[in-house]
Amino acid sequence: MADGSVGEAQEKAQEVAGEAQEKARDAAGKAQEGLRQQVDQRTSQAGEQVTGTAQDLRSVGEELRKQGKDTPAKLADRAAEQTEKVGSYMKEKGPDEMLHDVEDFGRQRPWAVLAGGLALGVVAARFLKASSRDRYQQRSNGARQRGQVPQRTVPPLSRSAVEPVVSPPPPTATPTPTATPVTPTPSATPAP
């Protein structure tokens, strides 16, 4: 009888565990789908903004043409065409397709991915350097406002080979009195 109840408890536990796993998969799938929809929505919005930028570039090209500057106007038109292509690509493609295209691009042109990564690293390093300087200044200003003075390191003075280095005497616990010499004075007593 005890074996039957143990077996039923094990079956029930396995059933509950299976249901929990299924619910976890469903929740993960829903979260993934929600994330995919957000990414798709954001890329579509970015595509619309890029397309708007392309229209701005076209109007710049028209203004340049009105001013008689044909070469810069042609450059603005080319930039507008390329920007428009990027904008329409972002609006039409889904996140999975974009990822697939990026992977294909990386396989076909690894040197371009390497150069892009290098450029991105340089930009990130410059940003971090500039932000660390700002953080240091903010920290120093905050310390002064709290009444604390930030410690500064003073570089050692350089001495020439001719100048002797004299170290100060070691400090003593109590000052020692200096004795004044007593000189005998001639007495005013008459000599016999």
C-alpha atoms as a PDB file:
ATOM      1  CA  MET A   1       0.000   0.000   0.000  1.00  0.00           C
ATOM      2  CA  ALA A   2       2.850   2.409   0.834  1.00  0.00           C
ATOM      3  CA  ASP A   3       4.510   1.637  -2.497  1.00  0.00           C
ATOM      4  CA  GLY A   4       1.345   2.658  -4.349  1.00  0.00           C
ATOM      5  CA  SER A   5       1.110   6.014  -2.609  1.00  0.00           C
ATOM      6  CA  VAL A   6       4.818   6.699  -3.217  1.00  0.00           C
ATOM      7  CA  GLY A   7       4.413   5.888  -6.901  1.00  0.00           C
ATOM      8  CA  GLU A   8       1.360   8.140  -7.159  1.00  0.00           C
ATOM      9  CA  ALA A   9       3.258  10.972  -5.419  1.00  0.00           C
ATOM     10  CA  GLN A  10       6.157  10.588  -7.845  1.00  0.00           C
ATOM     11  CA  GLU A  11       3.807  10.646 -10.835  1.00  0.00           C
ATOM     12  CA  LYS A  12       2.056  13.710  -9.464  1.00  0.00           C
ATOM     13  CA  ALA A  13       5.400  15.452  -8.877  1.00  0.00           C
ATOM     14  CA  GLN A  14       6.534  14.652 -12.432  1.00  0.00           C
ATOM     15  CA  GLU A  15       3.232  15.931 -13.800  1.00  0.00           C
ATOM     16  CA  VAL A  16       3.547  19.186 -11.833  1.00  0.00           C
ATOM     17  CA  ALA A  17       7.161  19.590 -12.958  1.00  0.00           C
ATOM     18  CA  GLY A  18       6.156  19.032 -16.587  1.00  0.00           C
ATOM     19  CA  GLU A  19       3.395  21.629 -16.308  1.00  0.00           C
ATOM     20  CA  ALA A  20       5.828  24.103 -14.740  1.00  0.00           C
ATOM     21  CA  GLN A  21       8.313  23.560 -17.559  1.00  0.00           C
ATOM     22  CA  GLU A  22       5.597  24.064 -20.148  1.00  0.00           C
ATOM     23  CA  LYS A  23       4.439  27.281 -18.488  1.00  0.00           C
ATOM     24  CA  ALA A  24       8.045  28.512 -18.324  1.00  0.00           C
ATOM     25  CA  ARG A  25       8.488  27.803 -22.060  1.00  0.00           C
ATOM     26  CA  ASP A  26       5.257  29.646 -22.840  1.00  0.00           C
ATOM     27  CA  ALA A  27       6.325  32.637 -20.733  1.00  0.00           C
ATOM     28  CA  ALA A  28       9.750  32.699 -22.395  1.00  0.00           C
ATOM     29  CA  GLY A  29       8.144  32.481 -25.835  1.00  0.00           C
ATOM     30  CA  LYS A  30       5.778  35.350 -25.019  1.00  0.00           C
ATOM     31  CA  ALA A  31       8.632  37.470 -23.676  1.00  0.00           C
ATOM     32  CA  GLN A  32      10.714  36.734 -26.748  1.00  0.00           C
ATOM     33  CA  GLU A  33       7.827  37.609 -29.051  1.00  0.00           C
ATOM     34  CA  GLY A  34       7.200  40.849 -27.142  1.00  0.00           C
ATOM     35  CA  LEU A  35      10.854  41.763 -27.416  1.00  0.00           C
ATOM     36  CA  ARG A  36      10.857  40.946 -31.127  1.00  0.00           C
ATOM     37  CA  GLN A  37       7.819  43.197 -31.640  1.00  0.00           C
ATOM     38  CA  GLN A  38       9.474  46.056 -29.749  1.00  0.00           C
ATOM     39  CA  VAL A  39      12.655  45.734 -31.788  1.00  0.00           C
ATOM     40  CA  ASP A  40      10.614  45.649 -34.992  1.00  0.00           C
ATOM     41  CA  GLN A  41       8.669  48.725 -33.930  1.00  0.00           C
ATOM     42  CA  ARG A  42      11.824  50.624 -32.974  1.00  0.00           C
ATOM     43  CA  THR A  43      13.590  49.790 -36.225  1.00  0.00           C
ATOM     44  CA  SER A  44      10.525  50.914 -38.174  1.00  0.00           C
ATOM     45  CA  GLN A  45      10.512  54.211 -36.274  1.00  0.00           C
ATOM     46  CA  ALA A  46      14.246  54.629 -36.870  1.00  0.00           C
ATOM     47  CA  GLY A  47      13.668  53.884 -40.564  1.00  0.00           C
ATOM     48  CA  GLU A  48      11.059  56.629 -40.736  1.00  0.00           C
ATOM     49  CA  GLN A  49      13.462  59.073 -39.083  1.00  0.00           C
ATOM     50  CA  VAL A  50      16.219  58.137 -41.513  1.00  0.00           C
ATOM     51  CA  THR A  51      13.816  58.611 -44.418  1.00  0.00           C
ATOM     52  CA  GLY A  52      12.978  62.064 -43.041  1.00  0.00           C
ATOM     53  CA  THR A  53      16.692  62.836 -42.962  1.00  0.00           C
ATOM     54  CA  ALA A  54      16.904  61.785 -46.611  1.00  0.00           C
ATOM     55  CA  GLN A  55      14.174  64.264 -47.454  1.00  0.00           C
ATOM     56  CA  ASP A  56      16.093  66.978 -45.597  1.00  0.00           C
ATOM     57  CA  LEU A  57      19.201  66.148 -47.614  1.00  0.00           C
ATOM     58  CA  ARG A  58      17.194  66.433 -50.837  1.00  0.00           C
ATOM     59  CA  SER A  59      15.971  69.892 -49.844  1.00  0.00           C
ATOM     60  CA  VAL A  60      19.569  70.886 -49.035  1.00  0.00           C
ATOM     61  CA  GLY A  61      20.557  69.706 -52.513  1.00  0.00           C
ATOM     62  CA  GLU A  62      17.786  71.806 -54.084  1.00  0.00           C
ATOM     63  CA  GLU A  63      18.913  74.896 -52.147  1.00  0.00           C
ATOM     64  CA  LEU A  64      22.494  74.345 -53.241  1.00  0.00           C
ATOM     65  CA  ARG A  65      21.349  74.023 -56.843  1.00  0.00           C
ATOM     66  CA  LYS A  66      19.454  77.321 -56.533  1.00  0.00           C
ATOM     67  CA  GLN A  67      22.667  78.952 -55.321  1.00  0.00           C
ATOM     68  CA  GLY A  68      24.505  77.592 -58.360  1.00  0.00           C
ATOM     69  CA  LYS A  69      26.564  75.036 -56.429  1.00  0.00           C
ATOM     70  CA  ASP A  70      26.049  71.924 -58.550  1.00  0.00           C
ATOM     71  CA  THR A  71      28.832  69.719 -57.157  1.00  0.00           C
ATOM     72  CA  PRO A  72      27.750  69.950 -53.505  1.00  0.00           C
ATOM     73  CA  ALA A  73      24.136  69.548 -54.661  1.00  0.00           C
ATOM     74  CA  LYS A  74      25.022  66.277 -56.413  1.00  0.00           C
ATOM     75  CA  LEU A  75      26.790  65.052 -53.255  1.00  0.00           C
ATOM     76  CA  ALA A  76      23.724  65.906 -51.176  1.00  0.00           C
ATOM     77  CA  ASP A  77      21.504  64.023 -53.662  1.00  0.00           C
ATOM     78  CA  ARG A  78      23.738  60.930 -53.483  1.00  0.00           C
ATOM     79  CA  ALA A  79      23.743  61.067 -49.707  1.00  0.00           C
ATOM     80  CA  ALA A  80      19.945  61.409 -49.774  1.00  0.00           C
ATOM     81  CA  GLU A  81      19.629  58.333 -52.019  1.00  0.00           C
ATOM     82  CA  GLN A  82      21.818  56.208 -49.763  1.00  0.00           C
ATOM     83  CA  THR A  83      20.043  57.456 -46.650  1.00  0.00           C
ATOM     84  CA  GLU A  84      16.689  56.687 -48.228  1.00  0.00           C
ATOM     85  CA  LYS A  85      17.831  53.143 -49.032  1.00  0.00           C
ATOM     86  CA  VAL A  86      18.880  52.619 -45.419  1.00  0.00           C
ATOM     87  CA  GLY A  87      15.575  54.023 -44.172  1.00  0.00           C
ATOM     88  CA  SER A  88      13.469  51.809 -46.408  1.00  0.00           C
ATOM     89  CA  TYR A  89      15.593  48.775 -45.481  1.00  0.00           C
ATOM     90  CA  MET A  90      14.991  49.450 -41.787  1.00  0.00           C
ATOM     91  CA  LYS A  91      11.243  49.864 -42.311  1.00  0.00           C
ATOM     92  CA  GLU A  92      10.810  46.734 -44.443  1.00  0.00           C
ATOM     93  CA  LYS A  93      13.090  44.194 -42.779  1.00  0.00           C
ATOM     94  CA  GLY A  94      12.400  42.402 -39.528  1.00  0.00           C
ATOM     95  CA  PRO A  95      14.967  41.870 -36.775  1.00  0.00           C
ATOM     96  CA  ASP A  96      15.674  38.285 -37.837  1.00  0.00           C
ATOM     97  CA  GLU A  97      16.333  39.316 -41.438  1.00  0.00           C
ATOM     98  CA  MET A  98      18.595  42.160 -40.315  1.00  0.00           C
ATOM     99  CA  LEU A  99      20.595  39.818 -38.100  1.00  0.00           C
ATOM    100  CA  HIS A 100      20.929  37.350 -40.976  1.00  0.00           C
ATOM    101  CA  ASP A 101      22.125  40.152 -43.288  1.00  0.00           C
ATOM    102  CA  VAL A 102      24.670  41.358 -40.729  1.00  0.00           C
ATOM    103  CA  GLU A 103      26.004  37.815 -40.325  1.00  0.00           C
ATOM    104  CA  ASP A 104      26.304  37.427 -44.102  1.00  0.00           C
ATOM    105  CA  PHE A 105      28.075  40.768 -44.370  1.00  0.00           C
ATOM    106  CA  GLY A 106      30.517  39.715 -41.645  1.00  0.00           C
ATOM    107  CA  ARG A 107      31.294  36.462 -43.446  1.00  0.00           C
ATOM    108  CA  GLN A 108      31.803  38.183 -46.799  1.00  0.00           C
ATOM    109  CA  ARG A 109      33.830  41.149 -45.506  1.00  0.00           C
ATOM    110  CA  PRO A 110      35.570  40.292 -42.232  1.00  0.00           C
ATOM    111  CA  TRP A 111      38.062  43.139 -42.732  1.00  0.00           C
ATOM    112  CA  ALA A 112      35.190  45.652 -42.763  1.00  0.00           C
ATOM    113  CA  VAL A 113      33.810  44.220 -39.510  1.00  0.00           C
ATOM    114  CA  LEU A 114      37.296  44.380 -37.997  1.00  0.00           C
ATOM    115  CA  ALA A 115      37.746  47.999 -39.106  1.00  0.00           C
ATOM    116  CA  GLY A 116      34.301  48.890 -37.753  1.00  0.00           C
ATOM    117  CA  GLY A 117      35.106  47.246 -34.433  1.00  0.00           C
ATOM    118  CA  LEU A 118      38.399  49.111 -34.246  1.00  0.00           C
ATOM    119  CA  ALA A 119      36.697  52.427 -34.987  1.00  0.00           C
ATOM    120  CA  LEU A 120      34.032  51.681 -32.399  1.00  0.00           C
ATOM    121  CA  GLY A 121      36.731  50.830 -29.846  1.00  0.00           C
ATOM    122  CA  VAL A 122      38.563  54.109 -30.477  1.00  0.00           C
ATOM    123  CA  VAL A 123      35.331  56.077 -30.075  1.00  0.00           C
ATOM    124  CA  ALA A 124      34.498  54.199 -26.875  1.00  0.00           C
ATOM    125  CA  ALA A 125      37.999  54.818 -25.467  1.00  0.00           C
ATOM    126  CA  ARG A 126      37.758  58.546 -26.205  1.00  0.00           C
ATOM    127  CA  PHE A 127      34.334  58.680 -24.570  1.00  0.00           C
ATOM    128  CA  LEU A 128      35.564  56.868 -21.475  1.00  0.00           C
ATOM    129  CA  LYS A 129      38.604  59.124 -21.221  1.00  0.00           C
ATOM    130  CA  ALA A 130      36.482  62.258 -21.453  1.00  0.00           C
ATOM    131  CA  SER A 131      33.891  60.977 -19.010  1.00  0.00           C
ATOM    132  CA  SER A 132      36.548  59.897 -16.491  1.00  0.00           C
ATOM    133  CA  ARG A 133      37.971  63.417 -16.504  1.00  0.00           C
ATOM    134  CA  ASP A 134      34.479  64.801 -15.834  1.00  0.00           C
ATOM    135  CA  ARG A 135      33.894  62.286 -13.040  1.00  0.00           C
ATOM    136  CA  TYR A 136      37.210  63.249 -11.412  1.00  0.00           C
ATOM    137  CA  GLN A 137      36.303  66.937 -11.539  1.00  0.00           C
ATOM    138  CA  GLN A 138      32.854  66.251 -10.098  1.00  0.00           C
ATOM    139  CA  ARG A 139      34.375  64.147  -7.326  1.00  0.00           C
ATOM    140  CA  SER A 140      36.896  66.905  -6.530  1.00  0.00           C
ATOM    141  CA  ASN A 141      34.193  69.576  -6.496  1.00  0.00           C
ATOM    142  CA  GLY A 142      32.006  67.419  -4.251  1.00  0.00           C
ATOM    143  CA  ALA A 143      34.877  66.908  -1.809  1.00  0.00           C
ATOM    144  CA  ARG A 144      35.529  70.657  -1.634  1.00  0.00           C
ATOM    145  CA  GLN A 145      31.857  71.339  -0.976  1.00  0.00           C
ATOM    146  CA  ARG A 146      31.897  68.876   1.930  1.00  0.00           C
ATOM    147  CA  GLY A 147      34.957  70.586   3.382  1.00  0.00           C
ATOM    148  CA  GLN A 148      37.380  67.900   2.343  1.00  0.00           C
ATOM    149  CA  VAL A 149      40.405  68.738   0.291  1.00  0.00           C
ATOM    150  CA  PRO A 150      41.335  66.139  -2.298  1.00  0.00           C
ATOM    151  CA  GLN A 151      44.835  64.804  -1.926  1.00  0.00           C
ATOM    152  CA  ARG A 152      47.173  65.827  -4.650  1.00  0.00           C
ATOM    153  CA  THR A 153      50.469  64.246  -5.405  1.00  0.00           C
ATOM    154  CA  VAL A 154      53.432  66.559  -5.731  1.00  0.00           C
ATOM    155  CA  PRO A 155      56.158  65.398  -8.058  1.00  0.00           C
ATOM    156  CA  PRO A 156      59.612  65.219  -6.466  1.00  0.00           C
ATOM    157  CA  LEU A 157      61.894  68.153  -7.100  1.00  0.00           C
ATOM    158  CA  SER A 158      64.784  67.425  -9.376  1.00  0.00           C
ATOM    159  CA  ARG A 159      68.165  68.257  -7.979  1.00  0.00           C
ATOM    160  CA  SER A 160      71.337  68.816  -9.821  1.00  0.00           C
ATOM    161  CA  ALA A 161      74.392  66.665  -9.278  1.00  0.00           C
ATOM    162  CA  VAL A 162      76.289  69.596  -7.742  1.00  0.00           C
ATOM    163  CA  GLU A 163      73.674  70.550  -5.152  1.00  0.00           C
ATOM    164  CA  PRO A 164      74.069  68.551  -1.942  1.00  0.00           C
ATOM    165  CA  VAL A 165      71.062  66.887  -0.438  1.00  0.00           C
ATOM    166  CA  VAL A 166      70.685  67.730   3.222  1.00  0.00           C
ATOM    167  CA  SER A 167      68.196  65.806   5.244  1.00  0.00           C
ATOM    168  CA  PRO A 168      66.542  67.493   8.213  1.00  0.00           C
ATOM    169  CA  PRO A 169      67.496  66.302  11.702  1.00  0.00           C
ATOM    170  CA  PRO A 170      65.241  63.654  13.189  1.00  0.00           C
ATOM    171  CA  PRO A 171      62.489  65.040  15.392  1.00  0.00           C
ATOM    172  CA  THR A 172      62.947  64.664  19.148  1.00  0.00           C
ATOM    173  CA  ALA A 173      60.301  64.071  21.760  1.00  0.00           C
ATOM    174  CA  THR A 174      61.364  66.909  24.084  1.00  0.00           C
ATOM    175  CA  PRO A 175      63.483  69.867  23.235  1.00  0.00           C
ATOM    176  CA  THR A 176      66.884  69.833  24.911  1.00  0.00           C
ATOM    177  CA  PRO A 177      67.895  73.069  26.614  1.00  0.00           C
ATOM    178  CA  THR A 178      71.124  74.555  25.425  1.00  0.00           C
ATOM    179  CA  ALA A 179      73.599  75.558  28.086  1.00  0.00           C
ATOM    180  CA  THR A 180      75.096  79.024  27.964  1.00  0.00           C
ATOM    181  CA  PRO A 181      78.782  79.067  28.755  1.00  0.00           C
ATOM    182  CA  VAL A 182      79.694  80.861  31.966  1.00  0.00           C
ATOM    183  CA  THR A 183      82.831  82.905  31.801  1.00  0.00           C
ATOM    184  CA  PRO A 184      84.558  83.853  35.074  1.00  0.00           C
ATOM    185  CA  THR A 185      84.613  87.536  35.759  1.00  0.00           C
ATOM    186  CA  PRO A 186      87.502  89.088  37.671  1.00  0.00           C
ATOM    187  CA  SER A 187      86.535  89.811  41.229  1.00  0.00           C
ATOM    188  CA  ALA A 188      86.849  93.208  42.739  1.00  0.00           C
ATOM    189  CA  THR A 189      88.549  92.001  45.897  1.00  0.00           C
ATOM    190  CA  PRO A 190      91.893  93.592  46.744  1.00  0.00           C
ATOM    191  CA  ALA A 191      94.917  91.487  46.553  1.00  0.00           C
ATOM    192  CA  PRO A 192      96.989  91.134  49.791  1.00  0.00           C
END
